[in-house]
Amino acid sequence: MATFFFDITQRVRVDIDETKFTPELMDEFNQSISDYGHGEEALVQHAEHIGRLSVVGLVDIVPRSFVEGYGYCDEAGISATVQEDYFQQERVFPQAGA
């Protein structure tokens, strides 16, 4: 059996309506999903989380999709779009025949 390893990079655009990310939403998210804290750095971490969910295909970030920790995308003020024109692939050779 042949085994191959690749690093694949995609770019995703994440839009967040920061007025929807209230202290109450952040507190609930921090307690139930992951503690990102509050403030601007927390907003960046939320954007990264939403982007990751979108890229790996765990959730379609489209208007009527429900995303755990946020609710319905359109009501939560979140959207994510994988940028199809940006894609990189690199071969990673296994070490010691792994």
N, C-alpha and C. Protein backbone atom coordinates (compact mmCIF):
# COMPACT_ATOMS: atom_id res chain seq x y z
N MET A 1 0.84 -1.17 0.00
CA MET A 1 0.00 0.00 0.00
C MET A 1 0.89 1.24 0.00
N ALA A 2 0.62 2.18 -0.85
CA ALA A 2 1.37 3.43 -0.93
C ALA A 2 0.68 4.47 -0.05
N THR A 3 1.48 5.23 0.68
CA THR A 3 0.96 6.29 1.54
C THR A 3 1.61 7.59 1.14
N PHE A 4 0.82 8.64 0.98
CA PHE A 4 1.32 9.94 0.57
C PHE A 4 0.84 10.99 1.55
N PHE A 5 1.66 11.98 1.79
CA PHE A 5 1.30 13.10 2.66
C PHE A 5 1.41 14.40 1.87
N PHE A 6 0.43 15.28 2.05
CA PHE A 6 0.44 16.58 1.38
C PHE A 6 -0.02 17.65 2.37
N ASP A 7 0.59 18.81 2.27
CA ASP A 7 0.09 19.99 2.97
C ASP A 7 -0.72 20.77 1.96
N ILE A 8 -1.96 21.04 2.29
CA ILE A 8 -2.85 21.78 1.39
C ILE A 8 -3.32 23.03 2.10
N THR A 9 -3.17 24.15 1.42
CA THR A 9 -3.54 25.45 1.98
C THR A 9 -4.64 26.06 1.15
N GLN A 10 -5.68 26.51 1.81
CA GLN A 10 -6.76 27.25 1.15
C GLN A 10 -6.95 28.56 1.87
N ARG A 11 -7.50 29.53 1.17
CA ARG A 11 -7.81 30.82 1.77
C ARG A 11 -9.33 30.93 1.90
N VAL A 12 -9.76 31.43 3.04
CA VAL A 12 -11.20 31.59 3.28
C VAL A 12 -11.45 33.03 3.73
N ARG A 13 -12.51 33.61 3.19
CA ARG A 13 -12.93 34.95 3.61
C ARG A 13 -14.02 34.77 4.66
N VAL A 14 -13.83 35.40 5.81
CA VAL A 14 -14.81 35.35 6.89
C VAL A 14 -15.28 36.77 7.18
N ASP A 15 -16.59 36.95 7.14
CA ASP A 15 -17.19 38.24 7.49
C ASP A 15 -17.97 38.07 8.78
N ILE A 16 -17.75 39.01 9.70
CA ILE A 16 -18.42 38.98 11.00
C ILE A 16 -19.02 40.35 11.27
N ASP A 17 -20.29 40.36 11.64
CA ASP A 17 -20.92 41.59 12.11
C ASP A 17 -20.61 41.70 13.60
N GLU A 18 -19.62 42.53 13.90
CA GLU A 18 -19.15 42.60 15.29
C GLU A 18 -20.20 43.10 16.26
N THR A 19 -21.26 43.75 15.77
CA THR A 19 -22.33 44.19 16.69
C THR A 19 -23.13 43.01 17.22
N LYS A 20 -23.06 41.86 16.53
CA LYS A 20 -23.78 40.66 16.98
C LYS A 20 -23.00 39.90 18.06
N PHE A 21 -21.70 40.19 18.17
CA PHE A 21 -20.85 39.49 19.13
C PHE A 21 -20.87 40.25 20.46
N THR A 22 -21.99 40.14 21.12
CA THR A 22 -22.21 40.84 22.39
C THR A 22 -21.45 40.15 23.52
N PRO A 23 -21.26 40.83 24.64
CA PRO A 23 -20.63 40.18 25.79
C PRO A 23 -21.37 38.91 26.20
N GLU A 24 -22.69 38.90 26.07
CA GLU A 24 -23.49 37.72 26.44
C GLU A 24 -23.17 36.54 25.51
N LEU A 25 -23.10 36.81 24.20
CA LEU A 25 -22.77 35.74 23.25
C LEU A 25 -21.38 35.21 23.54
N MET A 26 -20.44 36.12 23.76
CA MET A 26 -19.06 35.68 24.02
C MET A 26 -18.97 34.88 25.31
N ASP A 27 -19.68 35.30 26.36
CA ASP A 27 -19.68 34.55 27.62
C ASP A 27 -20.21 33.14 27.41
N GLU A 28 -21.33 33.03 26.70
CA GLU A 28 -21.93 31.72 26.46
C GLU A 28 -21.01 30.84 25.62
N PHE A 29 -20.43 31.41 24.58
CA PHE A 29 -19.51 30.66 23.73
C PHE A 29 -18.30 30.21 24.54
N ASN A 30 -17.75 31.11 25.34
CA ASN A 30 -16.56 30.79 26.15
C ASN A 30 -16.85 29.66 27.12
N GLN A 31 -18.05 29.59 27.64
CA GLN A 31 -18.41 28.55 28.61
C GLN A 31 -18.74 27.22 27.94
N SER A 32 -19.30 27.27 26.73
CA SER A 32 -19.80 26.02 26.15
C SER A 32 -18.94 25.45 25.02
N ILE A 33 -18.18 26.28 24.31
CA ILE A 33 -17.42 25.78 23.16
C ILE A 33 -15.92 25.88 23.42
N SER A 34 -15.42 27.09 23.52
CA SER A 34 -13.99 27.32 23.75
C SER A 34 -13.81 28.73 24.28
N ASP A 35 -12.88 28.93 25.17
CA ASP A 35 -12.70 30.24 25.79
C ASP A 35 -11.79 31.12 24.94
N TYR A 36 -12.39 32.00 24.17
CA TYR A 36 -11.66 32.96 23.35
C TYR A 36 -11.54 34.31 24.04
N GLY A 37 -12.16 34.44 25.19
CA GLY A 37 -12.10 35.71 25.91
C GLY A 37 -13.04 36.73 25.31
N HIS A 38 -12.64 38.01 25.40
CA HIS A 38 -13.45 39.12 24.89
C HIS A 38 -12.54 40.08 24.14
N GLY A 39 -13.14 40.99 23.42
CA GLY A 39 -12.37 42.03 22.74
C GLY A 39 -11.98 41.66 21.33
N GLU A 40 -11.08 42.49 20.78
CA GLU A 40 -10.70 42.35 19.37
C GLU A 40 -9.99 41.02 19.09
N GLU A 41 -9.10 40.60 19.97
CA GLU A 41 -8.40 39.32 19.76
C GLU A 41 -9.39 38.15 19.76
N ALA A 42 -10.41 38.24 20.59
CA ALA A 42 -11.44 37.19 20.60
C ALA A 42 -12.17 37.16 19.27
N LEU A 43 -12.44 38.33 18.70
CA LEU A 43 -13.12 38.39 17.40
C LEU A 43 -12.28 37.71 16.32
N VAL A 44 -10.97 37.92 16.36
CA VAL A 44 -10.06 37.26 15.42
C VAL A 44 -10.12 35.75 15.61
N GLN A 45 -10.13 35.29 16.85
CA GLN A 45 -10.20 33.85 17.11
C GLN A 45 -11.52 33.26 16.63
N HIS A 46 -12.62 34.00 16.79
CA HIS A 46 -13.90 33.54 16.26
C HIS A 46 -13.83 33.43 14.74
N ALA A 47 -13.24 34.41 14.09
CA ALA A 47 -13.11 34.38 12.63
C ALA A 47 -12.28 33.17 12.19
N GLU A 48 -11.19 32.89 12.89
CA GLU A 48 -10.37 31.72 12.57
C GLU A 48 -11.18 30.43 12.75
N HIS A 49 -11.93 30.35 13.83
CA HIS A 49 -12.75 29.17 14.11
C HIS A 49 -13.79 28.96 13.01
N ILE A 50 -14.48 30.02 12.64
CA ILE A 50 -15.50 29.95 11.59
C ILE A 50 -14.85 29.55 10.26
N GLY A 51 -13.70 30.13 9.96
CA GLY A 51 -12.99 29.78 8.73
C GLY A 51 -12.58 28.32 8.69
N ARG A 52 -12.09 27.82 9.82
CA ARG A 52 -11.69 26.41 9.91
C ARG A 52 -12.89 25.49 9.69
N LEU A 53 -14.01 25.81 10.34
CA LEU A 53 -15.22 25.01 10.15
C LEU A 53 -15.62 24.96 8.68
N SER A 54 -15.50 26.08 8.01
CA SER A 54 -15.88 26.17 6.61
C SER A 54 -14.93 25.38 5.71
N VAL A 55 -13.63 25.57 5.89
CA VAL A 55 -12.64 24.93 5.02
C VAL A 55 -12.66 23.41 5.14
N VAL A 56 -12.78 22.90 6.35
CA VAL A 56 -12.77 21.44 6.51
C VAL A 56 -14.12 20.81 6.21
N GLY A 57 -15.12 21.63 5.95
CA GLY A 57 -16.41 21.12 5.54
C GLY A 57 -17.30 20.64 6.66
N LEU A 58 -16.99 21.01 7.90
CA LEU A 58 -17.85 20.60 9.01
C LEU A 58 -19.19 21.30 8.98
N VAL A 59 -19.20 22.54 8.48
CA VAL A 59 -20.42 23.33 8.44
C VAL A 59 -20.39 24.19 7.18
N ASP A 60 -21.52 24.29 6.51
CA ASP A 60 -21.65 25.26 5.42
C ASP A 60 -22.04 26.57 6.06
N ILE A 61 -21.20 27.58 5.92
CA ILE A 61 -21.47 28.88 6.52
C ILE A 61 -22.28 29.70 5.52
N VAL A 62 -23.54 29.36 5.42
CA VAL A 62 -24.48 30.06 4.54
C VAL A 62 -25.66 30.53 5.38
N PRO A 63 -26.45 31.48 4.86
CA PRO A 63 -27.45 32.17 5.70
C PRO A 63 -28.29 31.30 6.63
N ARG A 64 -28.91 30.23 6.18
CA ARG A 64 -29.81 29.49 7.05
C ARG A 64 -29.17 28.27 7.69
N SER A 65 -27.85 28.19 7.66
CA SER A 65 -27.16 27.09 8.35
C SER A 65 -27.05 27.42 9.83
N PHE A 66 -27.16 26.39 10.65
CA PHE A 66 -27.00 26.55 12.09
C PHE A 66 -25.58 26.15 12.46
N VAL A 67 -24.89 27.01 13.18
CA VAL A 67 -23.52 26.74 13.62
C VAL A 67 -23.52 26.76 15.14
N GLU A 68 -23.12 25.63 15.73
CA GLU A 68 -23.11 25.53 17.19
C GLU A 68 -22.26 26.64 17.81
N GLY A 69 -22.83 27.29 18.79
CA GLY A 69 -22.14 28.38 19.47
C GLY A 69 -22.52 29.75 18.94
N TYR A 70 -23.11 29.79 17.72
CA TYR A 70 -23.47 31.06 17.10
C TYR A 70 -24.96 31.15 16.76
N GLY A 71 -25.54 30.04 16.36
CA GLY A 71 -26.93 30.05 15.89
C GLY A 71 -26.96 30.06 14.37
N TYR A 72 -28.05 30.58 13.81
CA TYR A 72 -28.18 30.66 12.35
C TYR A 72 -27.27 31.76 11.83
N CYS A 73 -26.54 31.44 10.76
CA CYS A 73 -25.51 32.35 10.25
C CYS A 73 -26.04 33.74 9.96
N ASP A 74 -27.20 33.82 9.31
CA ASP A 74 -27.72 35.15 8.97
C ASP A 74 -28.08 35.95 10.22
N GLU A 75 -28.62 35.29 11.23
CA GLU A 75 -28.97 35.98 12.47
C GLU A 75 -27.73 36.30 13.30
N ALA A 76 -26.69 35.46 13.17
CA ALA A 76 -25.46 35.66 13.94
C ALA A 76 -24.52 36.67 13.28
N GLY A 77 -24.80 37.00 12.03
CA GLY A 77 -23.95 37.96 11.33
C GLY A 77 -22.61 37.38 10.91
N ILE A 78 -22.61 36.09 10.53
CA ILE A 78 -21.37 35.46 10.08
C ILE A 78 -21.54 34.87 8.69
N SER A 79 -20.46 34.93 7.92
CA SER A 79 -20.43 34.25 6.63
C SER A 79 -18.98 33.88 6.33
N ALA A 80 -18.81 32.84 5.53
CA ALA A 80 -17.47 32.40 5.14
C ALA A 80 -17.53 31.87 3.72
N THR A 81 -16.53 32.23 2.95
CA THR A 81 -16.45 31.79 1.56
C THR A 81 -15.03 31.33 1.29
N VAL A 82 -14.89 30.09 0.84
CA VAL A 82 -13.58 29.58 0.46
C VAL A 82 -13.22 30.24 -0.87
N GLN A 83 -12.04 30.83 -0.92
CA GLN A 83 -11.58 31.52 -2.12
C GLN A 83 -11.01 30.49 -3.09
N GLU A 84 -11.80 30.14 -4.08
CA GLU A 84 -11.44 29.07 -5.00
C GLU A 84 -10.22 29.39 -5.85
N ASP A 85 -9.87 30.67 -5.96
CA ASP A 85 -8.73 31.05 -6.80
C ASP A 85 -7.40 30.97 -6.05
N TYR A 86 -7.44 30.56 -4.79
CA TYR A 86 -6.21 30.44 -4.00
C TYR A 86 -6.14 29.03 -3.43
N PHE A 87 -5.14 28.30 -3.90
CA PHE A 87 -4.98 26.91 -3.47
C PHE A 87 -3.51 26.56 -3.63
N GLN A 88 -2.89 26.03 -2.59
CA GLN A 88 -1.51 25.60 -2.67
C GLN A 88 -1.41 24.17 -2.17
N GLN A 89 -0.57 23.41 -2.83
CA GLN A 89 -0.35 22.03 -2.41
C GLN A 89 1.15 21.76 -2.42
N GLU A 90 1.62 21.09 -1.39
CA GLU A 90 3.05 20.77 -1.28
C GLU A 90 3.20 19.33 -0.82
N ARG A 91 4.11 18.62 -1.45
CA ARG A 91 4.39 17.25 -1.05
C ARG A 91 5.19 17.24 0.25
N VAL A 92 4.81 16.39 1.15
CA VAL A 92 5.56 16.20 2.38
C VAL A 92 6.02 14.74 2.37
N PHE A 93 7.32 14.55 2.32
CA PHE A 93 7.84 13.20 2.26
C PHE A 93 7.93 12.62 3.65
N PRO A 94 7.45 11.42 3.84
CA PRO A 94 7.46 10.80 5.18
C PRO A 94 8.89 10.54 5.65
N GLN A 95 9.05 10.60 6.95
CA GLN A 95 10.36 10.33 7.56
C GLN A 95 10.45 8.85 7.90
N ALA A 96 11.61 8.27 7.70
CA ALA A 96 11.90 6.89 8.10
C ALA A 96 10.86 5.91 7.60
N GLY A 97 10.35 6.16 6.38
CA GLY A 97 9.41 5.24 5.78
C GLY A 97 8.03 5.23 6.41
N ALA A 98 7.70 6.24 7.20
CA ALA A 98 6.39 6.28 7.86
C ALA A 98 5.29 6.49 6.85
